[in-house]
Amino acid sequence: MIEADELWSFVGSKDQVQWVWVALDADTRRVLAMVLGDRSAATAQRLWRALPRGYRTGVTVYTDFLASYAVAIPKARHRPVGKDTGRTAHIERFWLTLRQRCARFVRKTITFSKCLRNHLGALWYFIRLYNKSLQ
């Protein structure tokens, strides 16, 4: 089972919103894929392609009701659900952990990445440490 969700963040200024899309294995809690972009179907498709091949063929993906997911994820694999079901609880907890440990992702922060390269680097650094801590 995979949980996928997106989180907004800023790069350069509060006018430049970047969406962080993450796919998380619900059993191991490990981040499987991450992409940056807007909230379009093209970005959702990039997230789907970033998943390891084995996950794309045999696992159900639980998401919110964002229409972009329905375009990118095959219908047989996709299950849109509300937060009340608990099917996306692990990814929501991941976002809280990210916000607690990285100031640039706090909702009402004055700290943000000055360039996209640094933003992406900070995300991958956090994800690698996060995945390693689960071993």
C-alpha atoms as a PDB file:
ATOM      1  CA  MET A   1       0.000   0.000   0.000  1.00  0.00           C
ATOM      2  CA  ILE A   2       1.310   3.446  -0.982  1.00  0.00           C
ATOM      3  CA  GLU A   3       0.182   6.806   0.321  1.00  0.00           C
ATOM      4  CA  ALA A   4       0.754   9.861  -1.878  1.00  0.00           C
ATOM      5  CA  ASP A   5       0.243  13.508  -1.065  1.00  0.00           C
ATOM      6  CA  GLU A   6       1.537  16.983  -1.840  1.00  0.00           C
ATOM      7  CA  LEU A   7       2.728  19.919   0.307  1.00  0.00           C
ATOM      8  CA  TRP A   8       3.270  23.535  -0.687  1.00  0.00           C
ATOM      9  CA  SER A   9       6.489  25.397  -0.025  1.00  0.00           C
ATOM     10  CA  PHE A  10       8.203  28.600  -1.163  1.00  0.00           C
ATOM     11  CA  VAL A  11      11.348  29.156  -3.200  1.00  0.00           C
ATOM     12  CA  GLY A  12      12.839  32.619  -3.555  1.00  0.00           C
ATOM     13  CA  SER A  13       9.784  34.464  -2.224  1.00  0.00           C
ATOM     14  CA  LYS A  14       6.278  33.750  -1.022  1.00  0.00           C
ATOM     15  CA  ASP A  15       5.025  34.415  -4.547  1.00  0.00           C
ATOM     16  CA  GLN A  16       6.885  31.383  -5.907  1.00  0.00           C
ATOM     17  CA  VAL A  17       5.072  28.299  -4.639  1.00  0.00           C
ATOM     18  CA  GLN A  18       6.584  24.866  -5.249  1.00  0.00           C
ATOM     19  CA  TRP A  19       4.602  21.727  -4.491  1.00  0.00           C
ATOM     20  CA  VAL A  20       6.442  18.768  -2.999  1.00  0.00           C
ATOM     21  CA  TRP A  21       4.865  15.450  -4.036  1.00  0.00           C
ATOM     22  CA  VAL A  22       5.786  12.331  -2.069  1.00  0.00           C
ATOM     23  CA  ALA A  23       4.880   8.643  -2.306  1.00  0.00           C
ATOM     24  CA  LEU A  24       5.373   6.687   0.923  1.00  0.00           C
ATOM     25  CA  ASP A  25       5.226   2.935   1.567  1.00  0.00           C
ATOM     26  CA  ALA A  26       2.598   2.610   4.315  1.00  0.00           C
ATOM     27  CA  ASP A  27       4.071  -0.631   5.700  1.00  0.00           C
ATOM     28  CA  THR A  28       7.720   0.439   6.018  1.00  0.00           C
ATOM     29  CA  ARG A  29       7.036   4.227   6.235  1.00  0.00           C
ATOM     30  CA  ARG A  30       9.877   4.779   3.747  1.00  0.00           C
ATOM     31  CA  VAL A  31       9.674   7.523   1.134  1.00  0.00           C
ATOM     32  CA  LEU A  32       9.703   5.820  -2.264  1.00  0.00           C
ATOM     33  CA  ALA A  33       9.571   8.832  -4.578  1.00  0.00           C
ATOM     34  CA  MET A  34       9.578  12.626  -4.465  1.00  0.00           C
ATOM     35  CA  VAL A  35       9.141  15.313  -7.116  1.00  0.00           C
ATOM     36  CA  LEU A  36       8.792  19.094  -7.115  1.00  0.00           C
ATOM     37  CA  GLY A  37       6.402  20.986  -9.343  1.00  0.00           C
ATOM     38  CA  ASP A  38       2.936  22.437  -9.567  1.00  0.00           C
ATOM     39  CA  ARG A  39      -0.368  20.663  -8.864  1.00  0.00           C
ATOM     40  CA  SER A  40      -0.869  19.527 -12.464  1.00  0.00           C
ATOM     41  CA  ALA A  41      -1.390  16.060 -13.877  1.00  0.00           C
ATOM     42  CA  ALA A  42       2.087  16.286 -15.449  1.00  0.00           C
ATOM     43  CA  THR A  43       3.685  16.498 -11.996  1.00  0.00           C
ATOM     44  CA  ALA A  44       1.507  13.646 -10.748  1.00  0.00           C
ATOM     45  CA  GLN A  45       2.691  11.618 -13.747  1.00  0.00           C
ATOM     46  CA  ARG A  46       6.328  12.382 -12.837  1.00  0.00           C
ATOM     47  CA  LEU A  47       5.673  11.080  -9.316  1.00  0.00           C
ATOM     48  CA  TRP A  48       4.108   7.898 -10.715  1.00  0.00           C
ATOM     49  CA  ARG A  49       7.105   7.326 -13.012  1.00  0.00           C
ATOM     50  CA  ALA A  50       9.524   7.996 -10.120  1.00  0.00           C
ATOM     51  CA  LEU A  51       8.140   5.014  -8.195  1.00  0.00           C
ATOM     52  CA  PRO A  52      10.170   1.802  -8.438  1.00  0.00           C
ATOM     53  CA  ARG A  53       8.725  -0.493 -11.123  1.00  0.00           C
ATOM     54  CA  GLY A  54       7.580  -3.166  -8.645  1.00  0.00           C
ATOM     55  CA  TYR A  55       5.413  -0.652  -6.838  1.00  0.00           C
ATOM     56  CA  ARG A  56       3.751   0.513 -10.046  1.00  0.00           C
ATOM     57  CA  THR A  57       2.518  -2.976 -10.907  1.00  0.00           C
ATOM     58  CA  GLY A  58       1.172  -4.520  -7.738  1.00  0.00           C
ATOM     59  CA  VAL A  59       0.242  -1.938  -5.117  1.00  0.00           C
ATOM     60  CA  THR A  60      -2.765   0.238  -4.344  1.00  0.00           C
ATOM     61  CA  VAL A  61      -2.107   3.978  -4.081  1.00  0.00           C
ATOM     62  CA  TYR A  62      -4.201   5.977  -1.621  1.00  0.00           C
ATOM     63  CA  THR A  63      -4.445   9.731  -2.253  1.00  0.00           C
ATOM     64  CA  ASP A  64      -6.705  12.667  -1.564  1.00  0.00           C
ATOM     65  CA  PHE A  65      -9.284  13.683  -4.168  1.00  0.00           C
ATOM     66  CA  LEU A  66      -6.974  15.883  -6.263  1.00  0.00           C
ATOM     67  CA  ALA A  67      -7.955  15.273  -9.896  1.00  0.00           C
ATOM     68  CA  SER A  68      -4.310  15.131 -11.039  1.00  0.00           C
ATOM     69  CA  TYR A  69      -3.866  11.749  -9.350  1.00  0.00           C
ATOM     70  CA  ALA A  70      -6.761  10.221 -11.289  1.00  0.00           C
ATOM     71  CA  VAL A  71      -5.086  11.209 -14.565  1.00  0.00           C
ATOM     72  CA  ALA A  72      -1.627   9.888 -13.641  1.00  0.00           C
ATOM     73  CA  ILE A  73      -2.315   6.710 -11.663  1.00  0.00           C
ATOM     74  CA  PRO A  74      -4.043   3.782 -13.391  1.00  0.00           C
ATOM     75  CA  LYS A  75      -7.619   3.368 -12.217  1.00  0.00           C
ATOM     76  CA  ALA A  76      -7.022  -0.207 -11.023  1.00  0.00           C
ATOM     77  CA  ARG A  77      -4.269   1.028  -8.669  1.00  0.00           C
ATOM     78  CA  HIS A  78      -5.754   4.327  -7.433  1.00  0.00           C
ATOM     79  CA  ARG A  79      -8.037   4.810  -4.404  1.00  0.00           C
ATOM     80  CA  PRO A  80      -8.935   8.421  -3.538  1.00  0.00           C
ATOM     81  CA  VAL A  81      -9.939   8.663   0.135  1.00  0.00           C
ATOM     82  CA  GLY A  82     -10.752  11.289   2.740  1.00  0.00           C
ATOM     83  CA  LYS A  83      -8.545  11.989   5.741  1.00  0.00           C
ATOM     84  CA  ASP A  84     -11.187  10.489   8.037  1.00  0.00           C
ATOM     85  CA  THR A  85     -10.454   6.996   6.660  1.00  0.00           C
ATOM     86  CA  GLY A  86      -6.903   6.957   8.058  1.00  0.00           C
ATOM     87  CA  ARG A  87      -5.524   5.643   4.750  1.00  0.00           C
ATOM     88  CA  THR A  88      -3.244   8.687   4.379  1.00  0.00           C
ATOM     89  CA  ALA A  89      -2.303   9.062   8.067  1.00  0.00           C
ATOM     90  CA  HIS A  90       1.340   8.036   7.577  1.00  0.00           C
ATOM     91  CA  ILE A  91       2.041  10.580   4.870  1.00  0.00           C
ATOM     92  CA  GLU A  92       0.367  13.300   6.926  1.00  0.00           C
ATOM     93  CA  ARG A  93       2.622  12.325   9.852  1.00  0.00           C
ATOM     94  CA  PHE A  94       5.609  12.522   7.483  1.00  0.00           C
ATOM     95  CA  TRP A  95       4.660  16.116   6.594  1.00  0.00           C
ATOM     96  CA  LEU A  96       4.510  16.997  10.297  1.00  0.00           C
ATOM     97  CA  THR A  97       7.963  15.505  10.849  1.00  0.00           C
ATOM     98  CA  LEU A  98       9.328  17.455   7.869  1.00  0.00           C
ATOM     99  CA  ARG A  99       7.833  20.694   9.196  1.00  0.00           C
ATOM    100  CA  GLN A 100       9.222  20.101  12.680  1.00  0.00           C
ATOM    101  CA  ARG A 101      12.751  19.403  11.485  1.00  0.00           C
ATOM    102  CA  CYS A 102      13.109  21.777   8.525  1.00  0.00           C
ATOM    103  CA  ALA A 103      12.255  25.438   9.138  1.00  0.00           C
ATOM    104  CA  ARG A 104      11.790  26.193   5.441  1.00  0.00           C
ATOM    105  CA  PHE A 105       8.677  23.977   5.388  1.00  0.00           C
ATOM    106  CA  VAL A 106       6.868  25.490   8.377  1.00  0.00           C
ATOM    107  CA  ARG A 107       3.563  26.988   7.253  1.00  0.00           C
ATOM    108  CA  LYS A 108       4.004  30.578   8.415  1.00  0.00           C
ATOM    109  CA  THR A 109       7.750  30.866   8.192  1.00  0.00           C
ATOM    110  CA  ILE A 110      10.051  33.680   7.224  1.00  0.00           C
ATOM    111  CA  THR A 111      12.659  31.061   6.325  1.00  0.00           C
ATOM    112  CA  PHE A 112      12.589  29.666   2.805  1.00  0.00           C
ATOM    113  CA  SER A 113      14.967  28.420   0.159  1.00  0.00           C
ATOM    114  CA  LYS A 114      16.546  31.110  -1.972  1.00  0.00           C
ATOM    115  CA  CYS A 115      16.919  28.881  -5.032  1.00  0.00           C
ATOM    116  CA  LEU A 116      15.276  25.727  -6.349  1.00  0.00           C
ATOM    117  CA  ARG A 117      18.531  23.754  -6.279  1.00  0.00           C
ATOM    118  CA  ASN A 118      18.966  24.349  -2.527  1.00  0.00           C
ATOM    119  CA  HIS A 119      15.315  23.524  -1.908  1.00  0.00           C
ATOM    120  CA  LEU A 120      15.602  20.222  -3.724  1.00  0.00           C
ATOM    121  CA  GLY A 121      18.884  19.432  -1.988  1.00  0.00           C
ATOM    122  CA  ALA A 122      17.402  20.073   1.462  1.00  0.00           C
ATOM    123  CA  LEU A 123      14.455  17.814   0.640  1.00  0.00           C
ATOM    124  CA  TRP A 124      16.605  14.915  -0.557  1.00  0.00           C
ATOM    125  CA  TYR A 125      18.943  15.314   2.406  1.00  0.00           C
ATOM    126  CA  PHE A 126      16.007  15.116   4.817  1.00  0.00           C
ATOM    127  CA  ILE A 127      14.409  12.167   2.981  1.00  0.00           C
ATOM    128  CA  ARG A 128      17.630  10.157   2.978  1.00  0.00           C
ATOM    129  CA  LEU A 129      18.143  10.730   6.705  1.00  0.00           C
ATOM    130  CA  TYR A 130      14.486   9.961   7.369  1.00  0.00           C
ATOM    131  CA  ASN A 131      14.610   6.671   5.409  1.00  0.00           C
ATOM    132  CA  LYS A 132      17.893   5.698   7.080  1.00  0.00           C
ATOM    133  CA  SER A 133      16.402   6.285  10.539  1.00  0.00           C
ATOM    134  CA  LEU A 134      13.726   3.675   9.757  1.00  0.00           C
ATOM    135  CA  GLN A 135      16.247   0.850   9.291  1.00  0.00           C
END
